[in-house]
Amino acid sequence: MPMPKLRPSPERYLDPAGEAARVARLAGDGDVPIVSPVHRLQHELSMFERGEVAAAAAADGEYRYPGWFRVAFPVGVSAVLWSAIIWGIQALR
């Protein structure tokens, strides 16, 4: 059975009069917020910018390692493991 040919639909073409009415604008106070995965992620990341996560951790008495350690430790461990993998491959030859 042959594939049907796709015909362009008239809705796909831009209507200049309708397009002019949909100009991007900043949200106002009366606008209803839109719930989407992008907006949820932006809200979750904004908590880090405001420092709410660090303040909540400090209030709970939760200790957090310094930032340099949280970056350096995984990188260092990864380097050691990759060195061991490469050494093991060379030893098998």
N, C-alpha and C. Protein backbone atom coordinates (compact mmCIF):
# COMPACT_ATOMS: atom_id res chain seq x y z
N MET A 1 0.84 -1.17 0.00
CA MET A 1 0.00 0.00 0.00
C MET A 1 0.89 1.24 0.00
N PRO A 2 0.74 2.12 -0.97
CA PRO A 2 1.60 3.30 -1.03
C PRO A 2 1.25 4.29 0.07
N MET A 3 2.28 5.00 0.49
CA MET A 3 2.09 6.03 1.51
C MET A 3 1.33 7.21 0.92
N PRO A 4 0.37 7.77 1.64
CA PRO A 4 -0.35 8.94 1.12
C PRO A 4 0.57 10.16 1.12
N LYS A 5 0.39 11.00 0.14
CA LYS A 5 1.19 12.22 0.06
C LYS A 5 0.67 13.22 1.08
N LEU A 6 1.61 13.88 1.71
CA LEU A 6 1.24 14.88 2.70
C LEU A 6 0.94 16.19 2.00
N ARG A 7 -0.19 16.74 2.33
CA ARG A 7 -0.56 18.04 1.76
C ARG A 7 -0.46 19.09 2.86
N PRO A 8 0.07 20.23 2.55
CA PRO A 8 0.15 21.27 3.59
C PRO A 8 -1.25 21.74 3.97
N SER A 9 -1.44 21.90 5.26
CA SER A 9 -2.76 22.35 5.71
C SER A 9 -2.76 23.87 5.80
N PRO A 10 -3.90 24.50 5.57
CA PRO A 10 -3.95 25.97 5.61
C PRO A 10 -3.66 26.53 6.99
N GLU A 11 -3.84 25.73 8.08
CA GLU A 11 -3.57 26.23 9.43
C GLU A 11 -2.08 26.42 9.67
N ARG A 12 -1.25 25.79 8.87
CA ARG A 12 0.19 25.88 9.09
C ARG A 12 0.76 27.21 8.64
N TYR A 13 0.04 27.91 7.79
CA TYR A 13 0.54 29.19 7.30
C TYR A 13 0.18 30.28 8.29
N LEU A 14 1.08 31.22 8.44
CA LEU A 14 0.86 32.30 9.39
C LEU A 14 -0.15 33.31 8.85
N ASP A 15 -1.04 33.71 9.69
CA ASP A 15 -1.98 34.76 9.37
C ASP A 15 -1.39 36.07 9.87
N PRO A 16 -0.97 36.97 8.99
CA PRO A 16 -0.32 38.21 9.45
C PRO A 16 -1.17 39.01 10.43
N ALA A 17 -2.47 39.07 10.23
CA ALA A 17 -3.31 39.84 11.14
C ALA A 17 -3.37 39.16 12.51
N GLY A 18 -3.52 37.84 12.52
CA GLY A 18 -3.55 37.12 13.79
C GLY A 18 -2.20 37.08 14.47
N GLU A 19 -1.14 37.03 13.69
CA GLU A 19 0.21 37.00 14.25
C GLU A 19 0.54 38.31 14.94
N ALA A 20 0.06 39.43 14.39
CA ALA A 20 0.34 40.73 14.99
C ALA A 20 -0.33 40.85 16.35
N ALA A 21 -1.45 40.16 16.55
CA ALA A 21 -2.16 40.24 17.83
C ALA A 21 -1.44 39.42 18.90
N ARG A 22 -0.59 38.47 18.51
CA ARG A 22 0.11 37.61 19.48
C ARG A 22 1.54 38.06 19.70
N VAL A 23 1.72 39.28 20.07
CA VAL A 23 3.05 39.82 20.32
C VAL A 23 3.48 39.41 21.72
N ALA A 24 4.72 39.01 21.88
CA ALA A 24 5.23 38.62 23.19
C ALA A 24 5.25 39.83 24.11
N ARG A 25 4.86 39.60 25.36
CA ARG A 25 4.85 40.68 26.34
C ARG A 25 5.22 40.11 27.69
N LEU A 26 5.58 40.99 28.60
CA LEU A 26 5.89 40.57 29.95
C LEU A 26 4.60 40.26 30.69
N ALA A 27 4.68 39.34 31.64
CA ALA A 27 3.50 38.99 32.42
C ALA A 27 3.13 40.13 33.34
N GLY A 28 1.84 40.32 33.50
CA GLY A 28 1.34 41.35 34.39
C GLY A 28 0.88 40.76 35.71
N ASP A 29 0.44 41.62 36.63
CA ASP A 29 -0.02 41.15 37.94
C ASP A 29 -1.29 40.32 37.84
N GLY A 30 -2.15 40.60 36.88
CA GLY A 30 -3.41 39.89 36.75
C GLY A 30 -3.33 38.61 35.95
N ASP A 31 -2.18 38.29 35.39
CA ASP A 31 -2.04 37.08 34.58
C ASP A 31 -2.00 35.83 35.45
N VAL A 32 -2.63 34.79 34.97
CA VAL A 32 -2.65 33.51 35.68
C VAL A 32 -1.37 32.76 35.34
N PRO A 33 -0.65 32.24 36.35
CA PRO A 33 0.57 31.50 36.05
C PRO A 33 0.27 30.19 35.32
N ILE A 34 1.16 29.81 34.44
CA ILE A 34 1.03 28.59 33.67
C ILE A 34 1.85 27.50 34.36
N VAL A 35 1.27 26.35 34.53
CA VAL A 35 1.99 25.23 35.15
C VAL A 35 2.51 24.35 34.03
N SER A 36 3.82 24.21 33.97
CA SER A 36 4.45 23.34 32.98
C SER A 36 5.71 22.77 33.60
N PRO A 37 6.28 21.72 33.02
CA PRO A 37 7.52 21.16 33.56
C PRO A 37 8.65 22.19 33.61
N VAL A 38 8.70 23.07 32.62
CA VAL A 38 9.76 24.08 32.60
C VAL A 38 9.59 25.07 33.75
N HIS A 39 8.35 25.49 33.98
CA HIS A 39 8.10 26.42 35.07
C HIS A 39 8.34 25.77 36.43
N ARG A 40 7.99 24.48 36.56
CA ARG A 40 8.25 23.78 37.82
C ARG A 40 9.76 23.69 38.08
N LEU A 41 10.52 23.34 37.04
CA LEU A 41 11.97 23.25 37.18
C LEU A 41 12.57 24.62 37.53
N GLN A 42 12.07 25.66 36.89
CA GLN A 42 12.56 27.01 37.19
C GLN A 42 12.26 27.38 38.64
N HIS A 43 11.10 27.00 39.14
CA HIS A 43 10.75 27.29 40.53
C HIS A 43 11.66 26.52 41.49
N GLU A 44 11.92 25.24 41.17
CA GLU A 44 12.78 24.44 42.03
C GLU A 44 14.20 24.98 42.05
N LEU A 45 14.69 25.45 40.90
CA LEU A 45 16.05 26.00 40.85
C LEU A 45 16.13 27.36 41.52
N SER A 46 15.03 28.11 41.52
CA SER A 46 15.05 29.43 42.15
C SER A 46 15.22 29.31 43.66
N MET A 47 14.85 28.17 44.25
CA MET A 47 15.06 27.97 45.68
C MET A 47 16.55 27.99 46.01
N PHE A 48 17.38 27.49 45.10
CA PHE A 48 18.82 27.51 45.33
C PHE A 48 19.35 28.94 45.24
N GLU A 49 18.82 29.73 44.32
CA GLU A 49 19.26 31.11 44.18
C GLU A 49 18.92 31.93 45.42
N ARG A 50 17.76 31.67 46.00
CA ARG A 50 17.34 32.42 47.18
C ARG A 50 18.01 31.91 48.44
N GLY A 51 18.66 30.75 48.39
CA GLY A 51 19.34 30.20 49.56
C GLY A 51 18.41 29.46 50.50
N GLU A 52 17.20 29.14 50.05
CA GLU A 52 16.25 28.45 50.92
C GLU A 52 16.72 27.04 51.27
N VAL A 53 17.38 26.37 50.35
CA VAL A 53 17.83 25.00 50.60
C VAL A 53 18.92 24.99 51.66
N ALA A 54 19.88 25.90 51.54
CA ALA A 54 20.95 25.96 52.53
C ALA A 54 20.41 26.37 53.89
N ALA A 55 19.45 27.31 53.92
CA ALA A 55 18.87 27.74 55.19
C ALA A 55 18.08 26.61 55.84
N ALA A 56 17.35 25.84 55.05
CA ALA A 56 16.58 24.71 55.59
C ALA A 56 17.52 23.63 56.12
N ALA A 57 18.62 23.38 55.42
CA ALA A 57 19.59 22.38 55.88
C ALA A 57 20.24 22.82 57.18
N ALA A 58 20.56 24.11 57.28
CA ALA A 58 21.18 24.62 58.50
C ALA A 58 20.19 24.59 59.67
N ALA A 59 18.92 24.86 59.40
CA ALA A 59 17.90 24.84 60.45
C ALA A 59 17.68 23.42 60.97
N ASP A 60 17.81 22.43 60.09
CA ASP A 60 17.64 21.04 60.50
C ASP A 60 18.89 20.47 61.16
N GLY A 61 19.97 21.24 61.18
CA GLY A 61 21.22 20.75 61.74
C GLY A 61 21.96 19.82 60.80
N GLU A 62 21.59 19.82 59.55
CA GLU A 62 22.22 18.95 58.57
C GLU A 62 23.53 19.57 58.10
N TYR A 63 24.61 18.77 58.18
CA TYR A 63 25.91 19.28 57.75
C TYR A 63 26.08 19.03 56.27
N ARG A 64 26.58 20.04 55.58
CA ARG A 64 26.86 19.89 54.15
C ARG A 64 28.35 20.13 53.93
N TYR A 65 28.95 19.26 53.13
CA TYR A 65 30.35 19.43 52.81
C TYR A 65 30.54 20.70 51.99
N PRO A 66 31.74 21.30 52.06
CA PRO A 66 31.97 22.51 51.26
C PRO A 66 31.89 22.21 49.76
N GLY A 67 31.61 23.24 48.98
CA GLY A 67 31.41 23.09 47.55
C GLY A 67 32.61 22.52 46.83
N TRP A 68 33.82 22.96 47.22
CA TRP A 68 35.01 22.48 46.53
C TRP A 68 35.16 20.97 46.73
N PHE A 69 34.77 20.46 47.91
CA PHE A 69 34.89 19.03 48.16
C PHE A 69 33.83 18.25 47.38
N ARG A 70 32.62 18.80 47.29
CA ARG A 70 31.55 18.12 46.57
C ARG A 70 31.83 18.04 45.08
N VAL A 71 32.72 18.90 44.57
CA VAL A 71 33.12 18.83 43.16
C VAL A 71 34.39 17.98 43.02
N ALA A 72 35.37 18.21 43.89
CA ALA A 72 36.66 17.55 43.76
C ALA A 72 36.59 16.04 44.07
N PHE A 73 35.78 15.63 45.03
CA PHE A 73 35.73 14.22 45.40
C PHE A 73 35.25 13.33 44.25
N PRO A 74 34.12 13.63 43.62
CA PRO A 74 33.70 12.76 42.50
C PRO A 74 34.68 12.78 41.33
N VAL A 75 35.27 13.95 41.05
CA VAL A 75 36.23 14.03 39.96
C VAL A 75 37.47 13.21 40.30
N GLY A 76 37.95 13.32 41.53
CA GLY A 76 39.13 12.56 41.95
C GLY A 76 38.89 11.07 41.95
N VAL A 77 37.77 10.64 42.47
CA VAL A 77 37.45 9.21 42.49
C VAL A 77 37.30 8.68 41.07
N SER A 78 36.67 9.47 40.21
CA SER A 78 36.53 9.06 38.81
C SER A 78 37.89 8.90 38.15
N ALA A 79 38.81 9.83 38.41
CA ALA A 79 40.15 9.75 37.82
C ALA A 79 40.87 8.49 38.31
N VAL A 80 40.74 8.19 39.59
CA VAL A 80 41.39 6.98 40.13
C VAL A 80 40.80 5.73 39.50
N LEU A 81 39.47 5.68 39.39
CA LEU A 81 38.84 4.49 38.81
C LEU A 81 39.19 4.33 37.33
N TRP A 82 39.21 5.43 36.57
CA TRP A 82 39.60 5.33 35.16
C TRP A 82 41.06 4.90 35.03
N SER A 83 41.91 5.38 35.92
CA SER A 83 43.32 4.93 35.90
C SER A 83 43.41 3.43 36.15
N ALA A 84 42.60 2.93 37.09
CA ALA A 84 42.61 1.50 37.38
C ALA A 84 42.08 0.70 36.20
N ILE A 85 41.05 1.21 35.53
CA ILE A 85 40.50 0.52 34.35
C ILE A 85 41.53 0.47 33.24
N ILE A 86 42.18 1.59 32.97
CA ILE A 86 43.20 1.63 31.89
C ILE A 86 44.39 0.74 32.25
N TRP A 87 44.83 0.75 33.50
CA TRP A 87 45.93 -0.10 33.93
C TRP A 87 45.53 -1.57 33.77
N GLY A 88 44.28 -1.93 34.13
CA GLY A 88 43.84 -3.31 34.02
C GLY A 88 43.77 -3.77 32.57
N ILE A 89 43.33 -2.88 31.67
CA ILE A 89 43.29 -3.25 30.24
C ILE A 89 44.68 -3.46 29.70
N GLN A 90 45.62 -2.58 30.09
CA GLN A 90 47.00 -2.75 29.63
C GLN A 90 47.64 -4.00 30.20
N ALA A 91 47.27 -4.37 31.42
CA ALA A 91 47.83 -5.57 32.04
C ALA A 91 47.34 -6.85 31.36
N LEU A 92 46.15 -6.81 30.76
CA LEU A 92 45.62 -7.99 30.08
C LEU A 92 46.27 -8.23 28.72
N ARG A 93 46.90 -7.25 28.16
CA ARG A 93 47.53 -7.42 26.84
C ARG A 93 48.73 -8.27 26.90
